[in-house]
């Protein structure tokens, strides 16, 4: 992660999942409210998507671990350098550990939705642990750095620990649309903020570097963080509105068909009475 690409990779990971969740959870909520719209095929499709989601999460985590370990200046799976008598690339190892727990979460998702071996809530518990581990590692990741570097990472921790708490609450309140949308907005915030960290600390294309000790930069970056969250809320609101609108359109198409079936049944009953 000690470069722009290293922050863009996890940023893309969270943005993709956040955008997907902003579509999936409103659709599942609409299905629960309007069972006539969602057929058994839709439920099977959602079940498959849960499995694909877990596999994608595990694949992203594996890519992240490989990238952290086998970049040219990476540790290459060597934890201790016996020649120099010191730990080898601990920053890379920390990032690999973060990806490891997200990979475990993905594997648990697959097991949860393909078998009945484990309780369903285990997938949320493991995701909560993975998000907490991310925040726990980042908290001890920036000690001794420049003021702006520390501040921009601490802002990230707000979204991380809030997300961990939100997912943990879902263990006991599964299917709560408020918690699901809140977690989705925090995931999008994490993704966009990883990109922002990359632009601030490692400007691409040889752009001007930020003054790490300027207090005005800290004020601006804090305000920028709020804009990022407004952007995340906007995405969630737009997708929620679009999905709700599409479901209502489908409901209007389904209702005339059902009314026609009811009328045909009433006519059959009337003809039977006449006989």
C-alpha atoms as a PDB file:
ATOM      1  CA  UNK A   1       0.000   0.000   0.000  1.00  0.00           C
ATOM      2  CA  UNK A   2       2.979   2.346   0.072  1.00  0.00           C
ATOM      3  CA  UNK A   3       1.969   3.763  -3.297  1.00  0.00           C
ATOM      4  CA  UNK A   4      -1.105   4.978  -5.189  1.00  0.00           C
ATOM      5  CA  UNK A   5      -1.972   1.595  -6.698  1.00  0.00           C
ATOM      6  CA  UNK A   6      -1.796  -0.028  -3.286  1.00  0.00           C
ATOM      7  CA  UNK A   7      -4.608   2.244  -2.075  1.00  0.00           C
ATOM      8  CA  UNK A   8      -6.589   2.037  -5.312  1.00  0.00           C
ATOM      9  CA  UNK A   9      -6.856  -1.777  -5.042  1.00  0.00           C
ATOM     10  CA  UNK A  10      -8.673  -1.929  -1.669  1.00  0.00           C
ATOM     11  CA  UNK A  11     -10.574   1.218  -2.624  1.00  0.00           C
ATOM     12  CA  UNK A  12     -11.932  -0.515  -5.718  1.00  0.00           C
ATOM     13  CA  UNK A  13     -12.743  -3.585  -3.597  1.00  0.00           C
ATOM     14  CA  UNK A  14     -14.942  -1.580  -1.232  1.00  0.00           C
ATOM     15  CA  UNK A  15     -16.525   0.531  -3.975  1.00  0.00           C
ATOM     16  CA  UNK A  16     -17.558  -2.537  -5.985  1.00  0.00           C
ATOM     17  CA  UNK A  17     -19.057  -4.268  -2.954  1.00  0.00           C
ATOM     18  CA  UNK A  18     -20.710  -1.075  -1.713  1.00  0.00           C
ATOM     19  CA  UNK A  19     -22.348  -0.433  -5.089  1.00  0.00           C
ATOM     20  CA  UNK A  20     -23.483  -4.059  -5.308  1.00  0.00           C
ATOM     21  CA  UNK A  21     -24.965  -3.938  -1.808  1.00  0.00           C
ATOM     22  CA  UNK A  22     -26.779  -0.695  -2.676  1.00  0.00           C
ATOM     23  CA  UNK A  23     -28.641  -2.693  -5.347  1.00  0.00           C
ATOM     24  CA  UNK A  24     -28.976  -6.065  -3.599  1.00  0.00           C
ATOM     25  CA  UNK A  25     -30.397  -4.993  -0.249  1.00  0.00           C
ATOM     26  CA  UNK A  26     -33.126  -2.679  -1.611  1.00  0.00           C
ATOM     27  CA  UNK A  27     -34.164  -5.492  -3.982  1.00  0.00           C
ATOM     28  CA  UNK A  28     -34.300  -8.041  -1.143  1.00  0.00           C
ATOM     29  CA  UNK A  29     -36.274  -5.572   0.977  1.00  0.00           C
ATOM     30  CA  UNK A  30     -38.726  -4.999  -1.886  1.00  0.00           C
ATOM     31  CA  UNK A  31     -39.108  -8.764  -2.290  1.00  0.00           C
ATOM     32  CA  UNK A  32     -39.921  -9.152   1.393  1.00  0.00           C
ATOM     33  CA  UNK A  33     -42.582  -6.423   1.156  1.00  0.00           C
ATOM     34  CA  UNK A  34     -44.029  -7.601  -2.187  1.00  0.00           C
ATOM     35  CA  UNK A  35     -43.743 -11.368  -2.304  1.00  0.00           C
ATOM     36  CA  UNK A  36     -45.928 -11.480  -5.429  1.00  0.00           C
ATOM     37  CA  UNK A  37     -43.190  -9.777  -7.447  1.00  0.00           C
ATOM     38  CA  UNK A  38     -40.377 -12.157  -6.520  1.00  0.00           C
ATOM     39  CA  UNK A  39     -40.784 -15.703  -7.770  1.00  0.00           C
ATOM     40  CA  UNK A  40     -38.990 -18.752  -6.421  1.00  0.00           C
ATOM     41  CA  UNK A  41     -36.503 -18.293  -9.259  1.00  0.00           C
ATOM     42  CA  UNK A  42     -35.568 -14.862  -7.915  1.00  0.00           C
ATOM     43  CA  UNK A  43     -34.904 -16.359  -4.484  1.00  0.00           C
ATOM     44  CA  UNK A  44     -32.692 -19.050  -5.996  1.00  0.00           C
ATOM     45  CA  UNK A  45     -30.870 -16.367  -7.972  1.00  0.00           C
ATOM     46  CA  UNK A  46     -30.247 -14.323  -4.828  1.00  0.00           C
ATOM     47  CA  UNK A  47     -28.926 -17.433  -3.095  1.00  0.00           C
ATOM     48  CA  UNK A  48     -26.474 -17.993  -5.946  1.00  0.00           C
ATOM     49  CA  UNK A  49     -25.446 -14.349  -5.853  1.00  0.00           C
ATOM     50  CA  UNK A  50     -24.571 -14.731  -2.151  1.00  0.00           C
ATOM     51  CA  UNK A  51     -22.236 -17.582  -3.093  1.00  0.00           C
ATOM     52  CA  UNK A  52     -20.726 -15.583  -5.968  1.00  0.00           C
ATOM     53  CA  UNK A  53     -20.305 -12.613  -3.623  1.00  0.00           C
ATOM     54  CA  UNK A  54     -18.372 -14.766  -1.146  1.00  0.00           C
ATOM     55  CA  UNK A  55     -16.186 -16.194  -3.909  1.00  0.00           C
ATOM     56  CA  UNK A  56     -15.490 -12.691  -5.262  1.00  0.00           C
ATOM     57  CA  UNK A  57     -14.568 -11.475  -1.778  1.00  0.00           C
ATOM     58  CA  UNK A  58     -12.156 -14.395  -1.329  1.00  0.00           C
ATOM     59  CA  UNK A  59     -10.657 -13.797  -4.799  1.00  0.00           C
ATOM     60  CA  UNK A  60     -10.080 -10.075  -4.117  1.00  0.00           C
ATOM     61  CA  UNK A  61      -8.439 -10.953  -0.802  1.00  0.00           C
ATOM     62  CA  UNK A  62      -6.148 -13.492  -2.470  1.00  0.00           C
ATOM     63  CA  UNK A  63      -5.126 -10.958  -5.121  1.00  0.00           C
ATOM     64  CA  UNK A  64      -4.396  -8.420  -2.378  1.00  0.00           C
ATOM     65  CA  UNK A  65      -2.228 -10.852  -0.396  1.00  0.00           C
ATOM     66  CA  UNK A  66      -0.272 -11.903  -3.484  1.00  0.00           C
ATOM     67  CA  UNK A  67       0.260  -8.265  -4.479  1.00  0.00           C
ATOM     68  CA  UNK A  68       1.501  -7.317  -1.001  1.00  0.00           C
ATOM     69  CA  UNK A  69       3.876 -10.268  -0.776  1.00  0.00           C
ATOM     70  CA  UNK A  70       5.328 -10.500  -4.259  1.00  0.00           C
ATOM     71  CA  UNK A  71       5.788  -6.919  -5.422  1.00  0.00           C
ATOM     72  CA  UNK A  72       9.453  -6.250  -6.294  1.00  0.00           C
ATOM     73  CA  UNK A  73      10.167  -4.680  -2.898  1.00  0.00           C
ATOM     74  CA  UNK A  74       7.873  -7.036  -0.961  1.00  0.00           C
ATOM     75  CA  UNK A  75       8.743  -9.620   1.714  1.00  0.00           C
ATOM     76  CA  UNK A  76       8.151 -12.652  -0.547  1.00  0.00           C
ATOM     77  CA  UNK A  77       6.717 -14.621   2.419  1.00  0.00           C
ATOM     78  CA  UNK A  78       9.795 -13.888   4.539  1.00  0.00           C
ATOM     79  CA  UNK A  79       8.781 -12.506   7.928  1.00  0.00           C
ATOM     80  CA  UNK A  80      12.257 -12.038   9.443  1.00  0.00           C
ATOM     81  CA  UNK A  81      15.459 -10.950   7.740  1.00  0.00           C
ATOM     82  CA  UNK A  82      18.218 -12.943   9.453  1.00  0.00           C
ATOM     83  CA  UNK A  83      20.951 -11.148   7.512  1.00  0.00           C
ATOM     84  CA  UNK A  84      19.956  -7.704   8.783  1.00  0.00           C
ATOM     85  CA  UNK A  85      18.485  -9.131  12.006  1.00  0.00           C
ATOM     86  CA  UNK A  86      15.170  -7.308  11.756  1.00  0.00           C
ATOM     87  CA  UNK A  87      11.536  -7.876  10.745  1.00  0.00           C
ATOM     88  CA  UNK A  88      10.970  -7.870   7.002  1.00  0.00           C
ATOM     89  CA  UNK A  89       8.432  -5.439   5.480  1.00  0.00           C
ATOM     90  CA  UNK A  90       5.978  -5.402   8.371  1.00  0.00           C
ATOM     91  CA  UNK A  91       3.718  -2.928   6.559  1.00  0.00           C
ATOM     92  CA  UNK A  92       3.176  -5.463   3.787  1.00  0.00           C
ATOM     93  CA  UNK A  93       2.537  -8.180   6.350  1.00  0.00           C
ATOM     94  CA  UNK A  94      -0.072  -6.001   8.066  1.00  0.00           C
ATOM     95  CA  UNK A  95      -1.883  -5.427   4.795  1.00  0.00           C
ATOM     96  CA  UNK A  96      -1.702  -9.142   3.977  1.00  0.00           C
ATOM     97  CA  UNK A  97      -3.250  -9.910   7.374  1.00  0.00           C
ATOM     98  CA  UNK A  98      -6.090  -7.517   6.633  1.00  0.00           C
ATOM     99  CA  UNK A  99      -6.761  -9.241   3.306  1.00  0.00           C
ATOM    100  CA  UNK A 100      -6.512 -12.652   4.997  1.00  0.00           C
ATOM    101  CA  UNK A 101      -9.504 -11.987   7.251  1.00  0.00           C
ATOM    102  CA  UNK A 102     -11.594 -10.732   4.344  1.00  0.00           C
ATOM    103  CA  UNK A 103     -10.670 -13.922   2.513  1.00  0.00           C
ATOM    104  CA  UNK A 104     -11.830 -15.992   5.496  1.00  0.00           C
ATOM    105  CA  UNK A 105     -15.075 -14.005   5.485  1.00  0.00           C
ATOM    106  CA  UNK A 106     -15.589 -14.873   1.826  1.00  0.00           C
ATOM    107  CA  UNK A 107     -15.007 -18.583   2.473  1.00  0.00           C
ATOM    108  CA  UNK A 108     -17.469 -18.488   5.403  1.00  0.00           C
ATOM    109  CA  UNK A 109     -20.043 -16.865   3.090  1.00  0.00           C
ATOM    110  CA  UNK A 110     -19.696 -19.749   0.642  1.00  0.00           C
ATOM    111  CA  UNK A 111     -19.993 -22.390   3.389  1.00  0.00           C
ATOM    112  CA  UNK A 112     -22.982 -20.627   4.972  1.00  0.00           C
ATOM    113  CA  UNK A 113     -24.996 -20.458   1.737  1.00  0.00           C
ATOM    114  CA  UNK A 114     -24.081 -23.867   0.300  1.00  0.00           C
ATOM    115  CA  UNK A 115     -24.445 -26.050   3.393  1.00  0.00           C
ATOM    116  CA  UNK A 116     -26.359 -26.113   6.663  1.00  0.00           C
ATOM    117  CA  UNK A 117     -23.277 -26.972   8.697  1.00  0.00           C
ATOM    118  CA  UNK A 118     -22.959 -23.542  10.331  1.00  0.00           C
ATOM    119  CA  UNK A 119     -25.598 -21.063  11.582  1.00  0.00           C
ATOM    120  CA  UNK A 120     -26.608 -18.443   9.024  1.00  0.00           C
ATOM    121  CA  UNK A 121     -25.508 -15.538  11.252  1.00  0.00           C
ATOM    122  CA  UNK A 122     -21.874 -16.734  11.166  1.00  0.00           C
ATOM    123  CA  UNK A 123     -21.324 -14.940   7.852  1.00  0.00           C
ATOM    124  CA  UNK A 124     -22.205 -11.577   9.432  1.00  0.00           C
ATOM    125  CA  UNK A 125     -20.085 -12.326  12.508  1.00  0.00           C
ATOM    126  CA  UNK A 126     -17.044 -13.178  10.394  1.00  0.00           C
ATOM    127  CA  UNK A 127     -17.501 -10.051   8.276  1.00  0.00           C
ATOM    128  CA  UNK A 128     -17.712  -7.967  11.459  1.00  0.00           C
ATOM    129  CA  UNK A 129     -14.465  -9.532  12.690  1.00  0.00           C
ATOM    130  CA  UNK A 130     -12.751  -8.862   9.337  1.00  0.00           C
ATOM    131  CA  UNK A 131     -13.766  -5.188   9.364  1.00  0.00           C
ATOM    132  CA  UNK A 132     -12.688  -4.831  13.007  1.00  0.00           C
ATOM    133  CA  UNK A 133      -9.286  -6.412  12.226  1.00  0.00           C
ATOM    134  CA  UNK A 134      -8.851  -3.883   9.414  1.00  0.00           C
ATOM    135  CA  UNK A 135      -9.430  -0.994  11.824  1.00  0.00           C
ATOM    136  CA  UNK A 136      -7.338  -2.599  14.567  1.00  0.00           C
ATOM    137  CA  UNK A 137      -4.346  -2.930  12.231  1.00  0.00           C
ATOM    138  CA  UNK A 138      -4.708   0.579  10.811  1.00  0.00           C
ATOM    139  CA  UNK A 139      -4.887   2.095  14.291  1.00  0.00           C
ATOM    140  CA  UNK A 140      -1.320   0.923  15.000  1.00  0.00           C
ATOM    141  CA  UNK A 141      -0.262   1.523  11.416  1.00  0.00           C
ATOM    142  CA  UNK A 142       0.387   5.275  11.399  1.00  0.00           C
ATOM    143  CA  UNK A 143       2.239   6.017  14.657  1.00  0.00           C
ATOM    144  CA  UNK A 144       5.162   8.369  14.166  1.00  0.00           C
ATOM    145  CA  UNK A 145       3.989   9.655  10.775  1.00  0.00           C
ATOM    146  CA  UNK A 146       3.322  13.223   9.620  1.00  0.00           C
ATOM    147  CA  UNK A 147       0.255  15.028  10.965  1.00  0.00           C
ATOM    148  CA  UNK A 148      -1.862  14.898   7.790  1.00  0.00           C
ATOM    149  CA  UNK A 149      -0.933  11.248   7.168  1.00  0.00           C
ATOM    150  CA  UNK A 150      -2.137  10.286  10.650  1.00  0.00           C
ATOM    151  CA  UNK A 151      -5.302  12.379  10.393  1.00  0.00           C
ATOM    152  CA  UNK A 152      -6.405  11.012   7.027  1.00  0.00           C
ATOM    153  CA  UNK A 153      -6.019   7.443   8.289  1.00  0.00           C
ATOM    154  CA  UNK A 154      -7.872   8.202  11.532  1.00  0.00           C
ATOM    155  CA  UNK A 155     -10.788   9.485   9.471  1.00  0.00           C
ATOM    156  CA  UNK A 156     -10.795   6.136   7.691  1.00  0.00           C
ATOM    157  CA  UNK A 157     -11.051   4.409  11.076  1.00  0.00           C
ATOM    158  CA  UNK A 158     -14.344   6.193  11.777  1.00  0.00           C
ATOM    159  CA  UNK A 159     -15.946   4.411   8.820  1.00  0.00           C
ATOM    160  CA  UNK A 160     -14.190   1.123   9.586  1.00  0.00           C
ATOM    161  CA  UNK A 161     -15.183   0.792  13.252  1.00  0.00           C
ATOM    162  CA  UNK A 162     -18.709   2.086  12.560  1.00  0.00           C
ATOM    163  CA  UNK A 163     -19.000  -0.562   9.839  1.00  0.00           C
ATOM    164  CA  UNK A 164     -17.739  -3.299  12.178  1.00  0.00           C
ATOM    165  CA  UNK A 165     -20.345  -2.328  14.797  1.00  0.00           C
ATOM    166  CA  UNK A 166     -23.106  -2.181  12.191  1.00  0.00           C
ATOM    167  CA  UNK A 167     -22.317  -5.659  10.833  1.00  0.00           C
ATOM    168  CA  UNK A 168     -22.134  -7.029  14.390  1.00  0.00           C
ATOM    169  CA  UNK A 169     -25.651  -5.702  15.053  1.00  0.00           C
ATOM    170  CA  UNK A 170     -26.796  -7.550  11.919  1.00  0.00           C
ATOM    171  CA  UNK A 171     -25.834 -10.818  13.622  1.00  0.00           C
ATOM    172  CA  UNK A 172     -28.857 -10.286  15.888  1.00  0.00           C
ATOM    173  CA  UNK A 173     -31.032  -8.230  13.502  1.00  0.00           C
ATOM    174  CA  UNK A 174     -30.505  -9.946  10.165  1.00  0.00           C
ATOM    175  CA  UNK A 175     -32.452  -8.454   7.287  1.00  0.00           C
ATOM    176  CA  UNK A 176     -32.844  -5.019   8.925  1.00  0.00           C
ATOM    177  CA  UNK A 177     -32.853  -2.701   5.914  1.00  0.00           C
ATOM    178  CA  UNK A 178     -31.686   0.318   7.960  1.00  0.00           C
ATOM    179  CA  UNK A 179     -28.562  -1.492   9.166  1.00  0.00           C
ATOM    180  CA  UNK A 180     -27.920  -2.907   5.696  1.00  0.00           C
ATOM    181  CA  UNK A 181     -28.134   0.503   4.008  1.00  0.00           C
ATOM    182  CA  UNK A 182     -26.017   2.125   6.716  1.00  0.00           C
ATOM    183  CA  UNK A 183     -23.346  -0.558   6.274  1.00  0.00           C
ATOM    184  CA  UNK A 184     -23.532  -0.064   2.500  1.00  0.00           C
ATOM    185  CA  UNK A 185     -22.948   3.688   2.792  1.00  0.00           C
ATOM    186  CA  UNK A 186     -19.935   3.106   5.073  1.00  0.00           C
ATOM    187  CA  UNK A 187     -18.496   0.570   2.625  1.00  0.00           C
ATOM    188  CA  UNK A 188     -18.741   3.076  -0.230  1.00  0.00           C
ATOM    189  CA  UNK A 189     -17.175   5.706   2.032  1.00  0.00           C
ATOM    190  CA  UNK A 190     -14.247   3.388   2.757  1.00  0.00           C
ATOM    191  CA  UNK A 191     -13.714   2.741  -0.930  1.00  0.00           C
ATOM    192  CA  UNK A 192     -13.752   6.376  -2.017  1.00  0.00           C
ATOM    193  CA  UNK A 193     -11.615   7.384   0.972  1.00  0.00           C
ATOM    194  CA  UNK A 194      -8.908   4.823   0.107  1.00  0.00           C
ATOM    195  CA  UNK A 195      -8.708   6.497  -3.295  1.00  0.00           C
ATOM    196  CA  UNK A 196      -8.546   9.902  -1.593  1.00  0.00           C
ATOM    197  CA  UNK A 197      -5.676   8.718   0.631  1.00  0.00           C
ATOM    198  CA  UNK A 198      -3.818   7.589  -2.481  1.00  0.00           C
ATOM    199  CA  UNK A 199      -4.283  10.993  -4.149  1.00  0.00           C
ATOM    200  CA  UNK A 200      -3.135  12.877  -1.023  1.00  0.00           C
ATOM    201  CA  UNK A 201      -0.121  10.784  -0.006  1.00  0.00           C
ATOM    202  CA  UNK A 202       0.993   9.491  -3.422  1.00  0.00           C
ATOM    203  CA  UNK A 203      -0.228  11.940  -6.127  1.00  0.00           C
ATOM    204  CA  UNK A 204      -0.346  10.056  -9.463  1.00  0.00           C
ATOM    205  CA  UNK A 205       1.348  11.456 -12.534  1.00  0.00           C
ATOM    206  CA  UNK A 206       3.908  13.403 -10.528  1.00  0.00           C
ATOM    207  CA  UNK A 207       1.361  15.862  -9.125  1.00  0.00           C
ATOM    208  CA  UNK A 208       2.289  18.337  -6.382  1.00  0.00           C
ATOM    209  CA  UNK A 209       2.664  16.808  -2.935  1.00  0.00           C
ATOM    210  CA  UNK A 210       0.483  17.955  -0.052  1.00  0.00           C
ATOM    211  CA  UNK A 211       2.075  19.793   2.853  1.00  0.00           C
ATOM    212  CA  UNK A 212       1.801  17.185   5.615  1.00  0.00           C
ATOM    213  CA  UNK A 213       2.136  19.734   8.428  1.00  0.00           C
ATOM    214  CA  UNK A 214      -0.282  22.419   7.157  1.00  0.00           C
ATOM    215  CA  UNK A 215      -3.294  22.768   9.483  1.00  0.00           C
ATOM    216  CA  UNK A 216      -5.440  24.143   6.627  1.00  0.00           C
ATOM    217  CA  UNK A 217      -4.926  20.895   4.752  1.00  0.00           C
ATOM    218  CA  UNK A 218      -6.282  19.030   7.784  1.00  0.00           C
ATOM    219  CA  UNK A 219      -9.354  21.276   7.853  1.00  0.00           C
ATOM    220  CA  UNK A 220      -9.965  20.745   4.151  1.00  0.00           C
ATOM    221  CA  UNK A 221      -9.473  16.979   4.276  1.00  0.00           C
ATOM    222  CA  UNK A 222     -11.963  16.722   7.169  1.00  0.00           C
ATOM    223  CA  UNK A 223     -14.533  18.652   5.147  1.00  0.00           C
ATOM    224  CA  UNK A 224     -13.697  16.493   2.125  1.00  0.00           C
ATOM    225  CA  UNK A 225     -14.448  13.405   4.219  1.00  0.00           C
ATOM    226  CA  UNK A 226     -17.972  14.700   4.819  1.00  0.00           C
ATOM    227  CA  UNK A 227     -18.383  15.244   1.068  1.00  0.00           C
ATOM    228  CA  UNK A 228     -17.330  11.658   0.448  1.00  0.00           C
ATOM    229  CA  UNK A 229     -20.004  10.414   2.832  1.00  0.00           C
ATOM    230  CA  UNK A 230     -22.596  12.647   1.156  1.00  0.00           C
ATOM    231  CA  UNK A 231     -21.579  11.015  -2.139  1.00  0.00           C
ATOM    232  CA  UNK A 232     -22.015   7.548  -0.561  1.00  0.00           C
ATOM    233  CA  UNK A 233     -25.473   8.444   0.773  1.00  0.00           C
ATOM    234  CA  UNK A 234     -26.451   9.811  -2.644  1.00  0.00           C
ATOM    235  CA  UNK A 235     -25.516   6.538  -4.366  1.00  0.00           C
ATOM    236  CA  UNK A 236     -27.478   4.501  -1.800  1.00  0.00           C
ATOM    237  CA  UNK A 237     -30.516   6.801  -2.107  1.00  0.00           C
ATOM    238  CA  UNK A 238     -30.500   6.767  -5.924  1.00  0.00           C
ATOM    239  CA  UNK A 239     -30.188   2.989  -6.169  1.00  0.00           C
ATOM    240  CA  UNK A 240     -32.835   2.485  -3.485  1.00  0.00           C
ATOM    241  CA  UNK A 241     -35.194   4.780  -5.370  1.00  0.00           C
ATOM    242  CA  UNK A 242     -34.546   3.085  -8.725  1.00  0.00           C
ATOM    243  CA  UNK A 243     -35.057  -0.431  -7.343  1.00  0.00           C
ATOM    244  CA  UNK A 244     -38.255   0.590  -5.516  1.00  0.00           C
ATOM    245  CA  UNK A 245     -39.576   2.242  -8.677  1.00  0.00           C
ATOM    246  CA  UNK A 246     -38.842  -0.831 -10.815  1.00  0.00           C
ATOM    247  CA  UNK A 247     -40.552  -3.129  -8.304  1.00  0.00           C
ATOM    248  CA  UNK A 248     -43.630  -0.894  -8.259  1.00  0.00           C
ATOM    249  CA  UNK A 249     -43.779  -1.008 -12.067  1.00  0.00           C
ATOM    250  CA  UNK A 250     -43.616  -4.798 -11.940  1.00  0.00           C
ATOM    251  CA  UNK A 251     -46.340  -4.812  -9.265  1.00  0.00           C
ATOM    252  CA  UNK A 252     -48.634  -2.815 -11.578  1.00  0.00           C
ATOM    253  CA  UNK A 253     -48.081  -5.378 -14.329  1.00  0.00           C
ATOM    254  CA  UNK A 254     -48.717  -8.301 -11.994  1.00  0.00           C
ATOM    255  CA  UNK A 255     -51.931  -6.918 -10.446  1.00  0.00           C
ATOM    256  CA  UNK A 256     -54.034  -6.816 -13.700  1.00  0.00           C
ATOM    257  CA  UNK A 257     -53.082 -10.428 -14.387  1.00  0.00           C
ATOM    258  CA  UNK A 258     -54.142 -11.435 -10.880  1.00  0.00           C
ATOM    259  CA  UNK A 259     -57.399  -9.464 -11.239  1.00  0.00           C
ATOM    260  CA  UNK A 260     -58.079 -11.261 -14.516  1.00  0.00           C
ATOM    261  CA  UNK A 261     -57.548 -14.616 -12.855  1.00  0.00           C
ATOM    262  CA  UNK A 262     -59.906 -13.634 -10.020  1.00  0.00           C
ATOM    263  CA  UNK A 263     -62.609 -12.523 -12.478  1.00  0.00           C
ATOM    264  CA  UNK A 264     -62.347 -15.774 -14.449  1.00  0.00           C
ATOM    265  CA  UNK A 265     -62.726 -17.715 -11.212  1.00  0.00           C
ATOM    266  CA  UNK A 266     -65.806 -15.661 -10.258  1.00  0.00           C
ATOM    267  CA  UNK A 267     -67.382 -16.353 -13.656  1.00  0.00           C
ATOM    268  CA  UNK A 268     -66.778 -20.069 -13.230  1.00  0.00           C
ATOM    269  CA  UNK A 269     -68.446 -19.989  -9.821  1.00  0.00           C
ATOM    270  CA  UNK A 270     -71.459 -18.085 -11.257  1.00  0.00           C
ATOM    271  CA  UNK A 271     -71.888 -20.613 -14.080  1.00  0.00           C
ATOM    272  CA  UNK A 272     -71.775 -23.449 -11.571  1.00  0.00           C
ATOM    273  CA  UNK A 273     -74.496 -21.732  -9.483  1.00  0.00           C
ATOM    274  CA  UNK A 274     -76.702 -21.362 -12.588  1.00  0.00           C
ATOM    275  CA  UNK A 275     -76.381 -25.042 -13.341  1.00  0.00           C
END
